[in-house]
C-alpha cells in the first residue's frame, strides 16, 4: 500500500490511534502525556524521496528519533491507521491546521512538531473526538485549500 505513495513533494496528515495512555519524553518539549484516542499529525515532504520517503519513515518502528512525531510512532501503544496526502510544493501546513480546527479538531500539545513556527497556540498534533469519518474530514479540509487529496487506510 505504501509503495503507491509518490516520491513527489507534498503535504500529509498521519492518522494515529493511541491505544493506551502514555507518558514519554519528547525532545525539547520534555515529558508529555498522551491520552487514548485518535490524533492527526500534519507534515510536509519536500526533500529527497518526497512523500513516499517521509511517510515510510513514520511507518517504521525502528529509527533514530529526530522529530517530535518519532517519539510517538515508535511506541507500541501508537498505530498509524492511515494517511491523507496531496502533491504540492506550497507550504500549507498552517492553512491546513486552521481548516482542521474549523472542522472540530483540537490542538493537543502546543509546539509539537511545529517549533519552526514559533507561534503560541499552534501544533502539528491535533486530537479528534468525533465519530465522523476522519479520513473524509481531512480530505475535505485539503480540498478547501485547492488540493487533490488521496486517502490511504493503513494498519501498523
N, C-alpha and C. Protein backbone atom coordinates (compact mmCIF):
# COMPACT_ATOMS: atom_id res chain seq x y z
N UNK A 1 0.81 -1.20 0.00
CA UNK A 1 0.00 0.00 0.00
C UNK A 1 0.85 1.26 0.00
N UNK A 2 1.86 1.31 0.88
CA UNK A 2 2.69 2.49 0.99
C UNK A 2 3.46 2.73 -0.31
N UNK A 3 3.78 1.67 -1.03
CA UNK A 3 4.55 1.84 -2.26
C UNK A 3 3.77 2.61 -3.32
N UNK A 4 2.46 2.78 -3.12
CA UNK A 4 1.64 3.55 -4.05
C UNK A 4 1.82 5.05 -3.87
N UNK A 5 2.41 5.47 -2.76
CA UNK A 5 2.61 6.89 -2.48
C UNK A 5 3.72 7.41 -3.39
N UNK A 6 3.52 8.57 -4.02
CA UNK A 6 4.53 9.09 -4.94
C UNK A 6 5.76 9.67 -4.23
N UNK A 7 6.83 9.80 -4.97
CA UNK A 7 8.06 10.41 -4.47
C UNK A 7 8.03 11.93 -4.63
N UNK A 8 6.89 12.48 -4.93
CA UNK A 8 6.73 13.92 -5.15
C UNK A 8 6.68 14.68 -3.84
N UNK A 9 6.91 15.99 -3.92
CA UNK A 9 6.76 16.87 -2.75
C UNK A 9 5.29 16.99 -2.41
N UNK A 10 5.00 17.19 -1.13
CA UNK A 10 3.59 17.35 -0.77
C UNK A 10 3.37 17.58 0.71
N UNK A 11 2.11 17.55 1.06
CA UNK A 11 1.65 17.72 2.43
C UNK A 11 0.90 16.44 2.80
N UNK A 12 0.97 16.07 4.08
CA UNK A 12 0.29 14.85 4.51
C UNK A 12 -0.26 15.00 5.92
N UNK A 13 -1.22 14.14 6.23
CA UNK A 13 -1.77 14.06 7.57
C UNK A 13 -1.77 12.60 7.97
N UNK A 14 -0.97 12.26 8.98
CA UNK A 14 -0.99 10.90 9.53
C UNK A 14 -2.19 10.78 10.46
N UNK A 15 -2.89 9.67 10.39
CA UNK A 15 -3.99 9.40 11.32
C UNK A 15 -3.48 8.36 12.31
N UNK A 16 -3.47 8.73 13.58
CA UNK A 16 -2.88 7.91 14.63
C UNK A 16 -3.95 7.42 15.60
N UNK A 17 -3.78 6.22 16.07
CA UNK A 17 -4.62 5.68 17.13
C UNK A 17 -3.72 5.39 18.32
N UNK A 18 -3.98 6.08 19.42
CA UNK A 18 -3.25 5.83 20.66
C UNK A 18 -4.13 4.86 21.45
N UNK A 19 -3.64 3.63 21.61
CA UNK A 19 -4.46 2.57 22.19
C UNK A 19 -4.48 2.56 23.71
N UNK A 20 -3.50 3.17 24.32
CA UNK A 20 -3.43 3.27 25.79
C UNK A 20 -2.67 4.54 26.13
N UNK A 21 -2.99 5.17 27.26
CA UNK A 21 -2.28 6.40 27.62
C UNK A 21 -0.78 6.16 27.71
N UNK A 22 -0.02 7.19 27.37
CA UNK A 22 1.42 7.05 27.51
C UNK A 22 2.04 8.38 27.91
N UNK A 23 3.10 8.26 28.71
CA UNK A 23 3.88 9.42 29.13
C UNK A 23 5.28 9.20 28.60
N UNK A 24 5.72 10.14 27.76
CA UNK A 24 7.02 9.99 27.11
C UNK A 24 7.78 11.31 27.12
N UNK A 25 9.08 11.19 27.01
CA UNK A 25 9.92 12.38 26.89
C UNK A 25 10.08 12.67 25.40
N UNK A 26 9.71 13.89 24.99
CA UNK A 26 9.73 14.27 23.59
C UNK A 26 10.68 15.44 23.39
N UNK A 27 11.95 15.13 23.20
CA UNK A 27 12.94 16.16 22.91
C UNK A 27 12.80 17.42 23.73
N UNK A 28 12.75 18.55 23.05
CA UNK A 28 12.68 19.87 23.69
C UNK A 28 11.38 20.12 24.43
N UNK A 29 10.35 19.32 24.17
CA UNK A 29 9.06 19.51 24.86
C UNK A 29 9.05 18.91 26.26
N UNK A 30 10.03 18.05 26.56
CA UNK A 30 10.07 17.40 27.86
C UNK A 30 9.07 16.25 27.92
N UNK A 31 8.58 15.96 29.13
CA UNK A 31 7.63 14.86 29.31
C UNK A 31 6.23 15.32 28.93
N UNK A 32 5.56 14.49 28.13
CA UNK A 32 4.18 14.77 27.75
C UNK A 32 3.34 13.52 27.99
N UNK A 33 2.07 13.73 28.21
CA UNK A 33 1.13 12.63 28.39
C UNK A 33 0.15 12.65 27.23
N UNK A 34 0.00 11.52 26.60
CA UNK A 34 -0.95 11.38 25.50
C UNK A 34 -2.04 10.43 25.96
N UNK A 35 -3.28 10.87 25.91
CA UNK A 35 -4.40 10.03 26.31
C UNK A 35 -4.83 9.14 25.15
N UNK A 36 -5.61 8.13 25.48
CA UNK A 36 -6.16 7.23 24.48
C UNK A 36 -7.01 8.01 23.48
N UNK A 37 -6.98 7.62 22.21
CA UNK A 37 -7.85 8.27 21.24
C UNK A 37 -7.23 8.41 19.87
N UNK A 38 -7.95 9.17 19.01
CA UNK A 38 -7.48 9.41 17.64
C UNK A 38 -6.83 10.78 17.56
N UNK A 39 -5.72 10.82 16.84
CA UNK A 39 -4.96 12.05 16.64
C UNK A 39 -4.56 12.14 15.19
N UNK A 40 -4.21 13.35 14.77
CA UNK A 40 -3.61 13.53 13.45
C UNK A 40 -2.33 14.33 13.61
N UNK A 41 -1.42 14.09 12.72
CA UNK A 41 -0.16 14.82 12.69
C UNK A 41 0.00 15.41 11.29
N UNK A 42 0.18 16.72 11.20
CA UNK A 42 0.37 17.41 9.93
C UNK A 42 1.84 17.49 9.60
N UNK A 43 2.18 17.18 8.37
CA UNK A 43 3.57 17.27 7.96
C UNK A 43 3.70 17.61 6.49
N UNK A 44 4.92 17.92 6.10
CA UNK A 44 5.20 18.18 4.69
C UNK A 44 6.45 17.40 4.30
N UNK A 45 6.58 17.17 3.01
CA UNK A 45 7.72 16.43 2.48
C UNK A 45 8.19 17.11 1.21
N UNK A 46 9.31 17.78 1.32
CA UNK A 46 9.85 18.45 0.14
C UNK A 46 11.28 17.99 -0.17
N UNK A 47 11.79 17.06 0.62
CA UNK A 47 13.16 16.60 0.44
C UNK A 47 13.26 15.41 -0.50
N UNK A 48 14.44 14.80 -0.57
CA UNK A 48 14.65 13.63 -1.43
C UNK A 48 13.67 12.51 -1.08
N UNK A 49 13.07 11.93 -2.08
CA UNK A 49 12.12 10.84 -1.86
C UNK A 49 10.70 11.31 -1.59
N UNK A 50 10.53 12.61 -1.32
CA UNK A 50 9.21 13.21 -1.17
C UNK A 50 8.30 12.51 -0.17
N UNK A 51 7.04 12.44 -0.53
CA UNK A 51 6.02 11.88 0.35
C UNK A 51 6.31 10.42 0.70
N UNK A 52 6.73 9.64 -0.28
CA UNK A 52 7.00 8.21 -0.03
C UNK A 52 8.05 8.03 1.06
N UNK A 53 9.16 8.74 0.95
CA UNK A 53 10.24 8.58 1.93
C UNK A 53 9.79 9.03 3.32
N UNK A 54 9.11 10.17 3.39
CA UNK A 54 8.71 10.69 4.69
C UNK A 54 7.67 9.79 5.37
N UNK A 55 6.68 9.35 4.64
CA UNK A 55 5.63 8.51 5.23
C UNK A 55 6.19 7.14 5.59
N UNK A 56 7.05 6.59 4.76
CA UNK A 56 7.73 5.33 5.10
C UNK A 56 8.49 5.45 6.41
N UNK A 57 9.17 6.57 6.59
CA UNK A 57 9.93 6.80 7.82
C UNK A 57 9.01 6.79 9.04
N UNK A 58 7.88 7.47 8.91
CA UNK A 58 6.93 7.50 10.03
C UNK A 58 6.40 6.09 10.34
N UNK A 59 6.21 5.32 9.32
CA UNK A 59 5.65 3.98 9.46
C UNK A 59 6.61 3.02 10.17
N UNK A 60 7.90 3.29 10.07
CA UNK A 60 8.92 2.41 10.67
C UNK A 60 8.97 2.58 12.19
N UNK A 61 9.04 1.46 12.91
CA UNK A 61 9.16 1.50 14.37
C UNK A 61 10.62 1.64 14.79
N UNK A 62 11.55 1.32 13.89
CA UNK A 62 12.99 1.38 14.22
C UNK A 62 13.62 2.52 13.43
N UNK A 63 13.95 3.59 14.14
CA UNK A 63 14.56 4.75 13.50
C UNK A 63 15.21 5.63 14.55
N UNK A 64 16.10 6.48 14.12
CA UNK A 64 16.69 7.48 15.01
C UNK A 64 15.62 8.52 15.32
N UNK A 65 15.48 8.87 16.59
CA UNK A 65 14.46 9.84 16.98
C UNK A 65 14.94 11.24 16.61
N UNK A 66 14.31 11.81 15.59
CA UNK A 66 14.72 13.10 15.06
C UNK A 66 13.66 14.18 15.26
N UNK A 67 12.41 13.86 14.92
CA UNK A 67 11.30 14.80 15.02
C UNK A 67 10.40 14.41 16.19
N UNK A 68 9.63 15.37 16.66
CA UNK A 68 8.70 15.10 17.77
C UNK A 68 7.82 13.89 17.49
N UNK A 69 7.31 13.77 16.28
CA UNK A 69 6.40 12.67 15.95
C UNK A 69 7.08 11.31 16.08
N UNK A 70 8.39 11.26 15.92
CA UNK A 70 9.11 9.99 16.03
C UNK A 70 8.91 9.35 17.41
N UNK A 71 8.84 10.18 18.44
CA UNK A 71 8.68 9.67 19.80
C UNK A 71 7.34 8.97 19.98
N UNK A 72 6.35 9.36 19.20
CA UNK A 72 5.05 8.68 19.24
C UNK A 72 5.03 7.44 18.37
N UNK A 73 5.53 7.58 17.14
CA UNK A 73 5.38 6.47 16.19
C UNK A 73 6.22 5.25 16.53
N UNK A 74 7.22 5.39 17.40
CA UNK A 74 7.98 4.20 17.80
C UNK A 74 7.31 3.45 18.95
N UNK A 75 6.33 4.06 19.57
CA UNK A 75 5.66 3.43 20.72
C UNK A 75 4.77 2.28 20.26
N UNK A 76 4.78 1.21 21.04
CA UNK A 76 3.91 0.06 20.75
C UNK A 76 2.43 0.40 21.03
N UNK A 77 2.18 1.49 21.72
CA UNK A 77 0.81 1.91 22.03
C UNK A 77 0.20 2.80 20.95
N UNK A 78 0.99 3.12 19.94
CA UNK A 78 0.54 4.03 18.89
C UNK A 78 0.58 3.31 17.54
N UNK A 79 -0.53 3.39 16.81
CA UNK A 79 -0.61 2.80 15.47
C UNK A 79 -0.95 3.89 14.47
N UNK A 80 -0.28 3.87 13.34
CA UNK A 80 -0.68 4.72 12.22
C UNK A 80 -1.76 3.95 11.49
N UNK A 81 -2.97 4.49 11.46
CA UNK A 81 -4.08 3.77 10.82
C UNK A 81 -4.36 4.29 9.41
N UNK A 82 -3.68 5.35 9.03
CA UNK A 82 -3.85 5.85 7.67
C UNK A 82 -3.15 7.17 7.45
N UNK A 83 -3.23 7.61 6.22
CA UNK A 83 -2.62 8.88 5.83
C UNK A 83 -3.46 9.48 4.71
N UNK A 84 -3.55 10.79 4.74
CA UNK A 84 -4.16 11.54 3.64
C UNK A 84 -3.07 12.48 3.15
N UNK A 85 -2.80 12.48 1.85
CA UNK A 85 -1.74 13.32 1.33
C UNK A 85 -2.19 14.01 0.05
N UNK A 86 -1.43 15.05 -0.32
CA UNK A 86 -1.66 15.74 -1.59
C UNK A 86 -0.31 16.24 -2.10
N UNK A 87 -0.17 16.23 -3.39
CA UNK A 87 1.06 16.70 -4.02
C UNK A 87 1.01 18.23 -4.12
N UNK A 88 2.04 18.88 -3.61
CA UNK A 88 2.15 20.33 -3.69
C UNK A 88 3.54 20.77 -3.26
N UNK A 89 4.00 21.88 -3.82
CA UNK A 89 5.24 22.49 -3.35
C UNK A 89 4.94 23.61 -2.37
N UNK A 90 3.66 23.97 -2.25
CA UNK A 90 3.27 25.08 -1.38
C UNK A 90 3.39 24.69 0.09
N UNK A 91 3.72 25.65 0.93
CA UNK A 91 3.79 25.44 2.37
C UNK A 91 2.39 25.72 2.94
N UNK A 92 1.60 24.67 3.11
CA UNK A 92 0.20 24.82 3.50
C UNK A 92 -0.13 24.24 4.88
N UNK A 93 0.88 23.87 5.65
CA UNK A 93 0.60 23.26 6.95
C UNK A 93 -0.23 24.18 7.85
N UNK A 94 0.13 25.45 7.89
CA UNK A 94 -0.59 26.41 8.74
C UNK A 94 -2.04 26.56 8.27
N UNK A 95 -2.25 26.64 6.97
CA UNK A 95 -3.61 26.76 6.42
C UNK A 95 -4.42 25.50 6.69
N UNK A 96 -3.79 24.34 6.54
CA UNK A 96 -4.48 23.08 6.80
C UNK A 96 -4.83 22.97 8.28
N UNK A 97 -3.94 23.41 9.14
CA UNK A 97 -4.20 23.44 10.58
C UNK A 97 -5.49 24.23 10.85
N UNK A 98 -5.59 25.42 10.28
CA UNK A 98 -6.78 26.26 10.51
C UNK A 98 -8.05 25.60 9.99
N UNK A 99 -7.96 24.94 8.83
CA UNK A 99 -9.12 24.23 8.28
C UNK A 99 -9.57 23.10 9.22
N UNK A 100 -8.61 22.33 9.73
CA UNK A 100 -8.95 21.22 10.61
C UNK A 100 -9.55 21.72 11.93
N UNK A 101 -9.06 22.84 12.44
CA UNK A 101 -9.61 23.42 13.67
C UNK A 101 -11.08 23.79 13.42
N UNK A 102 -11.36 24.39 12.27
CA UNK A 102 -12.75 24.77 11.92
C UNK A 102 -13.65 23.54 11.87
N UNK A 103 -13.06 22.38 11.55
CA UNK A 103 -13.84 21.15 11.39
C UNK A 103 -13.89 20.31 12.66
N UNK A 104 -13.45 20.88 13.78
CA UNK A 104 -13.63 20.21 15.06
C UNK A 104 -12.41 19.55 15.67
N UNK A 105 -11.27 19.61 15.03
CA UNK A 105 -10.04 19.08 15.63
C UNK A 105 -9.55 20.07 16.68
N UNK A 106 -8.85 19.57 17.68
CA UNK A 106 -8.31 20.47 18.71
C UNK A 106 -6.80 20.25 18.85
N UNK A 107 -6.04 21.35 18.99
CA UNK A 107 -4.60 21.20 19.21
C UNK A 107 -4.36 20.42 20.49
N UNK A 108 -3.40 19.52 20.47
CA UNK A 108 -3.19 18.71 21.68
C UNK A 108 -2.02 19.20 22.50
N UNK A 109 -0.86 19.35 21.92
CA UNK A 109 0.31 19.84 22.67
C UNK A 109 0.91 20.97 21.83
N UNK A 110 0.78 22.18 22.34
CA UNK A 110 1.31 23.32 21.61
C UNK A 110 2.82 23.19 21.42
N UNK A 111 3.27 23.48 20.21
CA UNK A 111 4.68 23.37 19.89
C UNK A 111 5.07 22.02 19.31
N UNK A 112 4.20 21.02 19.40
CA UNK A 112 4.52 19.67 18.92
C UNK A 112 4.67 19.70 17.40
N UNK A 113 5.86 19.36 16.93
CA UNK A 113 6.10 19.27 15.51
C UNK A 113 6.14 20.60 14.79
N UNK A 114 6.07 21.68 15.54
CA UNK A 114 5.95 22.99 14.90
C UNK A 114 6.88 24.03 15.51
N UNK A 115 7.99 23.59 16.03
CA UNK A 115 8.91 24.51 16.70
C UNK A 115 9.45 25.57 15.74
N UNK A 116 9.46 25.26 14.43
CA UNK A 116 9.97 26.24 13.47
C UNK A 116 9.06 27.44 13.29
N UNK A 117 7.79 27.31 13.70
CA UNK A 117 6.84 28.41 13.51
C UNK A 117 6.87 29.44 14.63
N UNK A 118 7.34 29.06 15.81
CA UNK A 118 7.43 29.98 16.95
C UNK A 118 6.10 30.68 17.25
N UNK A 119 5.01 30.00 17.01
CA UNK A 119 3.69 30.57 17.28
C UNK A 119 3.11 29.96 18.55
N UNK A 120 2.55 30.78 19.40
CA UNK A 120 1.85 30.25 20.57
C UNK A 120 0.54 29.64 20.08
N UNK A 121 0.07 28.66 20.79
CA UNK A 121 -1.19 28.01 20.48
C UNK A 121 -1.22 27.43 19.06
N UNK A 122 -0.14 26.76 18.69
CA UNK A 122 -0.06 26.10 17.39
C UNK A 122 0.61 24.75 17.58
N UNK A 123 0.12 23.75 16.86
CA UNK A 123 0.65 22.40 17.00
C UNK A 123 0.40 21.63 15.72
N UNK A 124 1.28 20.70 15.41
CA UNK A 124 1.03 19.79 14.30
C UNK A 124 0.35 18.51 14.78
N UNK A 125 0.14 18.38 16.08
CA UNK A 125 -0.56 17.24 16.65
C UNK A 125 -1.94 17.70 17.11
N UNK A 126 -2.98 17.14 16.49
CA UNK A 126 -4.36 17.51 16.81
C UNK A 126 -5.12 16.28 17.25
N UNK A 127 -6.06 16.50 18.15
CA UNK A 127 -6.91 15.40 18.64
C UNK A 127 -8.24 15.45 17.90
N UNK A 128 -8.79 14.27 17.65
CA UNK A 128 -10.10 14.16 17.01
C UNK A 128 -11.02 13.34 17.93
N UNK A 129 -12.10 13.96 18.37
CA UNK A 129 -13.01 13.28 19.30
C UNK A 129 -14.31 12.85 18.65
N UNK A 130 -14.53 13.22 17.42
CA UNK A 130 -15.81 12.93 16.76
C UNK A 130 -15.97 11.50 16.32
N UNK A 131 -17.16 11.19 15.86
CA UNK A 131 -17.49 9.86 15.36
C UNK A 131 -17.52 9.81 13.84
N UNK A 132 -17.43 10.97 13.20
CA UNK A 132 -17.49 11.04 11.74
C UNK A 132 -16.25 10.39 11.13
N UNK A 133 -16.27 10.20 9.82
CA UNK A 133 -15.15 9.60 9.09
C UNK A 133 -13.99 10.58 9.06
N UNK A 134 -12.98 10.32 9.84
CA UNK A 134 -11.83 11.21 9.99
C UNK A 134 -11.11 11.42 8.65
N UNK A 135 -11.07 10.40 7.82
CA UNK A 135 -10.39 10.50 6.53
C UNK A 135 -11.15 11.44 5.59
N UNK A 136 -12.46 11.39 5.64
CA UNK A 136 -13.29 12.27 4.81
C UNK A 136 -13.14 13.73 5.25
N UNK A 137 -13.10 13.96 6.55
CA UNK A 137 -12.95 15.33 7.07
C UNK A 137 -11.60 15.91 6.64
N UNK A 138 -10.54 15.14 6.78
CA UNK A 138 -9.21 15.61 6.37
C UNK A 138 -9.20 15.89 4.87
N UNK A 139 -9.79 15.01 4.08
CA UNK A 139 -9.86 15.20 2.63
C UNK A 139 -10.61 16.47 2.29
N UNK A 140 -11.71 16.73 2.98
CA UNK A 140 -12.48 17.95 2.74
C UNK A 140 -11.65 19.19 3.07
N UNK A 141 -10.89 19.13 4.15
CA UNK A 141 -10.04 20.27 4.54
C UNK A 141 -9.01 20.54 3.45
N UNK A 142 -8.40 19.49 2.92
CA UNK A 142 -7.41 19.66 1.85
C UNK A 142 -8.06 20.20 0.58
N UNK A 143 -9.24 19.69 0.25
CA UNK A 143 -9.96 20.16 -0.93
C UNK A 143 -10.28 21.64 -0.80
N UNK A 144 -10.64 22.09 0.40
CA UNK A 144 -10.91 23.51 0.64
C UNK A 144 -9.70 24.38 0.34
N UNK A 145 -8.51 23.81 0.38
CA UNK A 145 -7.28 24.54 0.08
C UNK A 145 -6.86 24.41 -1.38
N UNK A 146 -7.72 23.78 -2.18
CA UNK A 146 -7.42 23.62 -3.60
C UNK A 146 -6.55 22.42 -3.92
N UNK A 147 -6.39 21.52 -2.97
CA UNK A 147 -5.56 20.33 -3.15
C UNK A 147 -6.41 19.15 -3.63
N UNK A 148 -5.75 18.12 -4.14
CA UNK A 148 -6.41 16.89 -4.56
C UNK A 148 -5.94 15.77 -3.65
N UNK A 149 -6.64 15.56 -2.53
CA UNK A 149 -6.18 14.57 -1.55
C UNK A 149 -6.35 13.13 -1.98
N UNK A 150 -5.44 12.30 -1.48
CA UNK A 150 -5.51 10.85 -1.68
C UNK A 150 -5.54 10.24 -0.27
N UNK A 151 -6.47 9.33 -0.05
CA UNK A 151 -6.61 8.68 1.26
C UNK A 151 -6.09 7.24 1.19
N UNK A 152 -5.30 6.88 2.20
CA UNK A 152 -4.85 5.51 2.35
C UNK A 152 -5.10 5.07 3.78
N UNK A 153 -5.84 3.99 3.94
CA UNK A 153 -6.02 3.41 5.27
C UNK A 153 -4.96 2.33 5.42
N UNK A 154 -4.17 2.45 6.47
CA UNK A 154 -3.07 1.52 6.69
C UNK A 154 -3.26 0.85 8.04
N UNK A 155 -2.59 -0.24 8.22
CA UNK A 155 -2.53 -0.86 9.53
C UNK A 155 -1.08 -1.03 9.88
N UNK A 156 -0.72 -0.65 11.09
CA UNK A 156 0.68 -0.72 11.51
C UNK A 156 0.81 -1.74 12.60
